[in-house]
Amino acid sequence: LGCYREAADFFEAAAERDDPKVNMALIYRLYGDTLLKLNRKADAAKVFGLEMAYDLRAGGISNKINETTAAIYSNHKQFIANYMPRVEFLIDQALEVSSSERNGITTALSRLSNALLSTGASKLALEAARQAVQVSSKDDGAHKTLGMVYEGTAMSAMARVEFRSAFLLGGDRDAELLTEWVSSLKKSGFIEAAARTIGIFHLDSQNCLTTDSEIAQRTTN
């Protein structure tokens, strides 16, 4: 988890500078995402609340999706009360974006899916994750998110199909993918397969989990 702590320190410093030339909404978004990786949910909620105070410069539907995600994580009660129909609309609209916008939309939908899953809105989370894959079927992050939603809704076999897809699409250096996949295998009793899976990843010093002990700690039931 060392690199997440370093990233959190970096984004915190960037937030304190509040440089008018910098997209502060993006800084707070990345800062909040990093705090979630560190399981600092209360701090993340405050940061996402600050994100909403800035003009989101991404533009278009990805802007609206990211705003919705920030509102969910920050527990913005006035917004949350009406977010269900907005979320369904945004998910439906995502397929209509141009090809140049697809990477941004895919990332935004994946983040939205994780946020929805954290509130227990599993059906909408699954819709958002599936839409992310449909928008960009070769995006390893989208497949990873869909796998995480499947795992979070007790569909482990389908989750592992998506984790494998994410790996084959370039996720072999993704430490989070490794921990999620191995955890799923262990929970289903596939201990030997879990050990083999650890061996096929190519983690290095740039990854957030780099040692066997760290991986074991994160993937033990």
Protein backbone atom coordinates (compact mmCIF):
# COMPACT_ATOMS: atom_id res chain seq x y z
CA LEU A 1 0.00 0.00 0.00
CA GLY A 2 3.04 2.25 0.04
CA CYS A 3 2.45 3.80 -3.36
CA TYR A 4 -1.14 4.70 -2.43
CA ARG A 5 0.13 6.56 0.63
CA GLU A 6 2.67 8.41 -1.53
CA ALA A 7 -0.04 9.25 -4.04
CA ALA A 8 -2.32 10.52 -1.27
CA ASP A 9 0.46 12.79 -0.02
CA PHE A 10 1.02 14.08 -3.55
CA PHE A 11 -2.65 14.87 -4.17
CA GLU A 12 -3.04 16.43 -0.73
CA ALA A 13 -0.14 18.78 -1.50
CA ALA A 14 -1.62 19.61 -4.91
CA ALA A 15 -4.99 20.35 -3.30
CA GLU A 16 -3.38 22.69 -0.78
CA ARG A 17 -1.67 24.65 -3.57
CA ASP A 18 -5.04 25.18 -5.32
CA ASP A 19 -3.31 26.27 -8.53
CA PRO A 20 -5.85 28.06 -10.79
CA LYS A 21 -4.05 26.60 -13.83
CA VAL A 22 -4.71 23.06 -12.64
CA ASN A 23 -7.95 21.10 -13.01
CA MET A 24 -8.71 20.94 -9.30
CA ALA A 25 -11.80 18.79 -9.82
CA LEU A 26 -9.53 16.11 -11.29
CA ILE A 27 -7.04 16.50 -8.43
CA TYR A 28 -9.77 15.98 -5.84
CA ARG A 29 -11.21 13.06 -7.84
CA LEU A 30 -7.87 11.26 -7.95
CA TYR A 31 -7.21 12.13 -4.31
CA GLY A 32 -10.57 10.69 -3.30
CA ASP A 33 -10.02 7.52 -5.32
CA THR A 34 -6.63 7.05 -3.65
CA LEU A 35 -8.10 7.50 -0.17
CA LEU A 36 -10.66 4.81 -0.99
CA LYS A 37 -7.80 2.44 -1.86
CA LEU A 38 -6.46 3.14 1.64
CA ASN A 39 -9.91 2.45 3.12
CA ARG A 40 -10.10 6.03 4.42
CA LYS A 41 -13.76 6.36 3.49
CA ALA A 42 -14.62 9.31 5.73
CA ASP A 43 -11.68 11.34 4.40
CA ALA A 44 -12.59 10.35 0.85
CA ALA A 45 -16.16 11.55 1.37
CA LYS A 46 -14.89 15.00 2.35
CA VAL A 47 -12.58 15.15 -0.65
CA PHE A 48 -15.32 14.17 -3.09
CA GLY A 49 -17.47 16.89 -1.55
CA LEU A 50 -14.72 19.38 -2.42
CA GLU A 51 -14.61 17.99 -5.97
CA MET A 52 -18.25 18.97 -6.40
CA ALA A 53 -17.40 22.59 -5.54
CA TYR A 54 -15.23 22.95 -8.62
CA ASP A 55 -16.12 23.30 -12.26
CA LEU A 56 -15.68 19.81 -13.75
CA ARG A 57 -13.80 20.41 -16.97
CA ALA A 58 -14.10 16.97 -18.53
CA GLY A 59 -17.23 18.09 -20.36
CA GLY A 60 -20.23 16.22 -21.67
CA ILE A 61 -21.65 13.08 -20.19
CA SER A 62 -18.42 11.99 -18.47
CA ASN A 63 -18.60 15.24 -16.52
CA LYS A 64 -22.12 14.39 -15.32
CA ILE A 65 -21.18 10.82 -14.45
CA ASN A 66 -18.17 11.96 -12.41
CA GLU A 67 -20.31 14.55 -10.65
CA THR A 68 -22.83 11.84 -9.77
CA THR A 69 -20.07 9.58 -8.46
CA ALA A 70 -18.70 12.38 -6.28
CA ALA A 71 -22.18 13.02 -4.89
CA ILE A 72 -22.65 9.34 -4.01
CA TYR A 73 -19.29 9.05 -2.26
CA SER A 74 -19.70 12.36 -0.42
CA ASN A 75 -23.18 11.35 0.76
CA HIS A 76 -24.65 14.55 -0.63
CA LYS A 77 -28.15 13.96 0.76
CA GLN A 78 -30.02 16.48 -1.38
CA PHE A 79 -28.47 15.01 -4.51
CA ILE A 80 -28.70 11.37 -3.42
CA ALA A 81 -32.47 11.67 -2.90
CA ASN A 82 -32.90 12.06 -6.67
CA TYR A 83 -29.89 10.27 -8.12
CA MET A 84 -31.55 6.97 -9.15
CA PRO A 85 -33.32 8.24 -12.29
CA ARG A 86 -30.29 10.39 -13.15
CA VAL A 87 -27.99 7.37 -12.93
CA GLU A 88 -30.22 5.26 -15.18
CA PHE A 89 -30.34 8.09 -17.73
CA LEU A 90 -26.56 8.55 -17.72
CA ILE A 91 -25.94 4.83 -18.14
CA ASP A 92 -28.30 4.73 -21.12
CA GLN A 93 -26.67 7.80 -22.68
CA ALA A 94 -23.13 6.45 -22.42
CA LEU A 95 -23.34 4.43 -25.64
CA GLU A 96 -24.08 7.55 -27.67
CA VAL A 97 -20.67 9.17 -27.14
CA SER A 98 -18.17 9.62 -29.94
CA SER A 99 -15.18 7.30 -30.26
CA SER A 100 -12.85 10.04 -28.99
CA GLU A 101 -14.81 10.22 -25.72
CA ARG A 102 -14.96 6.49 -25.05
CA ASN A 103 -11.93 6.18 -22.77
CA GLY A 104 -13.21 8.92 -20.48
CA ILE A 105 -16.71 7.45 -20.45
CA THR A 106 -15.44 3.95 -19.70
CA THR A 107 -13.42 5.18 -16.72
CA ALA A 108 -16.32 7.31 -15.49
CA LEU A 109 -18.78 4.42 -15.72
CA SER A 110 -16.39 2.09 -13.89
CA ARG A 111 -16.02 4.61 -11.05
CA LEU A 112 -19.79 5.08 -10.94
CA SER A 113 -20.27 1.31 -10.76
CA ASN A 114 -17.95 1.04 -7.75
CA ALA A 115 -19.72 3.93 -6.03
CA LEU A 116 -23.14 2.37 -6.59
CA LEU A 117 -21.95 -0.99 -5.30
CA SER A 118 -20.72 0.69 -2.12
CA THR A 119 -24.27 1.94 -1.45
CA GLY A 120 -25.85 -1.47 -2.03
CA ALA A 121 -27.35 -0.47 -5.38
CA SER A 122 -26.03 -3.66 -6.96
CA LYS A 123 -28.44 -3.74 -9.91
CA LEU A 124 -27.44 -0.27 -11.08
CA ALA A 125 -23.79 -1.02 -10.34
CA LEU A 126 -23.98 -4.04 -12.63
CA GLU A 127 -25.70 -2.01 -15.36
CA ALA A 128 -22.98 0.64 -15.22
CA ALA A 129 -20.16 -1.93 -15.25
CA ARG A 130 -21.68 -3.82 -18.20
CA GLN A 131 -22.14 -0.57 -20.06
CA ALA A 132 -18.48 0.32 -19.49
CA VAL A 133 -17.46 -2.96 -21.12
CA GLN A 134 -19.90 -2.39 -23.97
CA VAL A 135 -18.52 1.09 -24.61
CA SER A 136 -14.94 -0.19 -24.65
CA SER A 137 -14.71 -3.97 -24.79
CA LYS A 138 -10.90 -3.96 -24.88
CA ASP A 139 -10.46 -1.89 -21.73
CA ASP A 140 -8.91 -4.07 -19.03
CA GLY A 141 -10.07 -1.73 -16.26
CA ALA A 142 -13.69 -2.04 -17.36
CA HIS A 143 -13.50 -5.84 -17.24
CA LYS A 144 -11.86 -5.68 -13.81
CA THR A 145 -14.65 -3.47 -12.50
CA LEU A 146 -17.32 -5.76 -13.92
CA GLY A 147 -15.56 -8.69 -12.24
CA MET A 148 -15.52 -6.83 -8.92
CA VAL A 149 -19.25 -6.15 -9.19
CA TYR A 150 -19.94 -9.80 -10.00
CA GLU A 151 -17.81 -10.83 -7.01
CA GLY A 152 -19.64 -8.34 -4.82
CA THR A 153 -22.98 -9.82 -5.84
CA ALA A 154 -22.02 -13.47 -5.24
CA MET A 155 -21.43 -14.34 -8.91
CA SER A 156 -17.86 -15.52 -8.43
CA ALA A 157 -17.56 -17.71 -11.53
CA MET A 158 -18.58 -14.83 -13.77
CA ALA A 159 -16.25 -12.55 -11.83
CA ARG A 160 -13.28 -14.75 -12.61
CA VAL A 161 -14.14 -14.78 -16.32
CA GLU A 162 -13.91 -10.98 -16.27
CA PHE A 163 -10.71 -10.98 -14.22
CA ARG A 164 -9.13 -13.30 -16.79
CA SER A 165 -10.31 -11.02 -19.61
CA ALA A 166 -8.80 -8.02 -17.83
CA PHE A 167 -5.51 -9.89 -17.45
CA LEU A 168 -5.39 -10.90 -21.12
CA LEU A 169 -6.17 -7.33 -22.21
CA GLY A 170 -3.10 -5.95 -20.47
CA GLY A 171 -3.83 -6.12 -16.77
CA ASP A 172 -0.85 -8.33 -15.93
CA ARG A 173 0.74 -5.47 -13.96
CA ASP A 174 -2.43 -4.49 -12.09
CA ALA A 175 -1.96 -5.34 -8.42
CA GLU A 176 -5.62 -4.70 -7.59
CA LEU A 177 -6.70 -7.13 -10.30
CA LEU A 178 -4.33 -9.72 -8.86
CA THR A 179 -5.68 -9.37 -5.33
CA GLU A 180 -9.32 -9.50 -6.46
CA TRP A 181 -8.77 -12.55 -8.68
CA VAL A 182 -6.75 -14.46 -6.11
CA SER A 183 -9.24 -13.62 -3.37
CA SER A 184 -12.09 -14.93 -5.52
CA LEU A 185 -10.23 -18.16 -6.23
CA LYS A 186 -9.45 -18.72 -2.55
CA LYS A 187 -13.01 -18.05 -1.45
CA SER A 188 -14.19 -20.70 -3.91
CA GLY A 189 -11.63 -23.21 -2.68
CA PHE A 190 -9.25 -23.07 -5.66
CA ILE A 191 -6.09 -22.72 -3.59
CA GLU A 192 -3.65 -24.16 -6.15
CA ALA A 193 -5.12 -22.01 -8.92
CA ALA A 194 -4.72 -18.96 -6.68
CA ALA A 195 -1.02 -19.74 -6.20
CA ARG A 196 -0.55 -20.18 -9.95
CA THR A 197 -2.32 -16.91 -10.65
CA ILE A 198 0.08 -14.97 -8.44
CA GLY A 199 2.94 -16.34 -10.55
CA ILE A 200 1.64 -15.10 -13.91
CA PHE A 201 1.51 -11.43 -12.96
CA HIS A 202 4.45 -9.11 -13.64
CA LEU A 203 4.60 -6.76 -10.67
CA ASP A 204 7.54 -4.42 -10.10
CA SER A 205 8.47 -1.48 -7.88
CA GLN A 206 5.92 0.73 -9.63
CA ASN A 207 3.02 -1.47 -8.46
CA CYS A 208 1.18 -0.84 -5.23
CA LEU A 209 1.57 -4.41 -3.97
CA THR A 210 4.98 -5.80 -4.82
CA THR A 211 5.87 -8.51 -2.33
CA ASP A 212 4.46 -11.96 -1.66
CA SER A 213 3.71 -11.00 1.95
CA GLU A 214 1.69 -7.95 0.87
CA ILE A 215 -0.22 -9.99 -1.68
CA ALA A 216 -0.91 -12.72 0.86
CA GLN A 217 -2.14 -10.19 3.40
CA ARG A 218 -4.60 -8.69 0.93
CA THR A 219 -5.86 -12.01 -0.44
CA THR A 220 -6.24 -14.09 2.73
CA ASN A 221 -9.80 -14.72 3.88
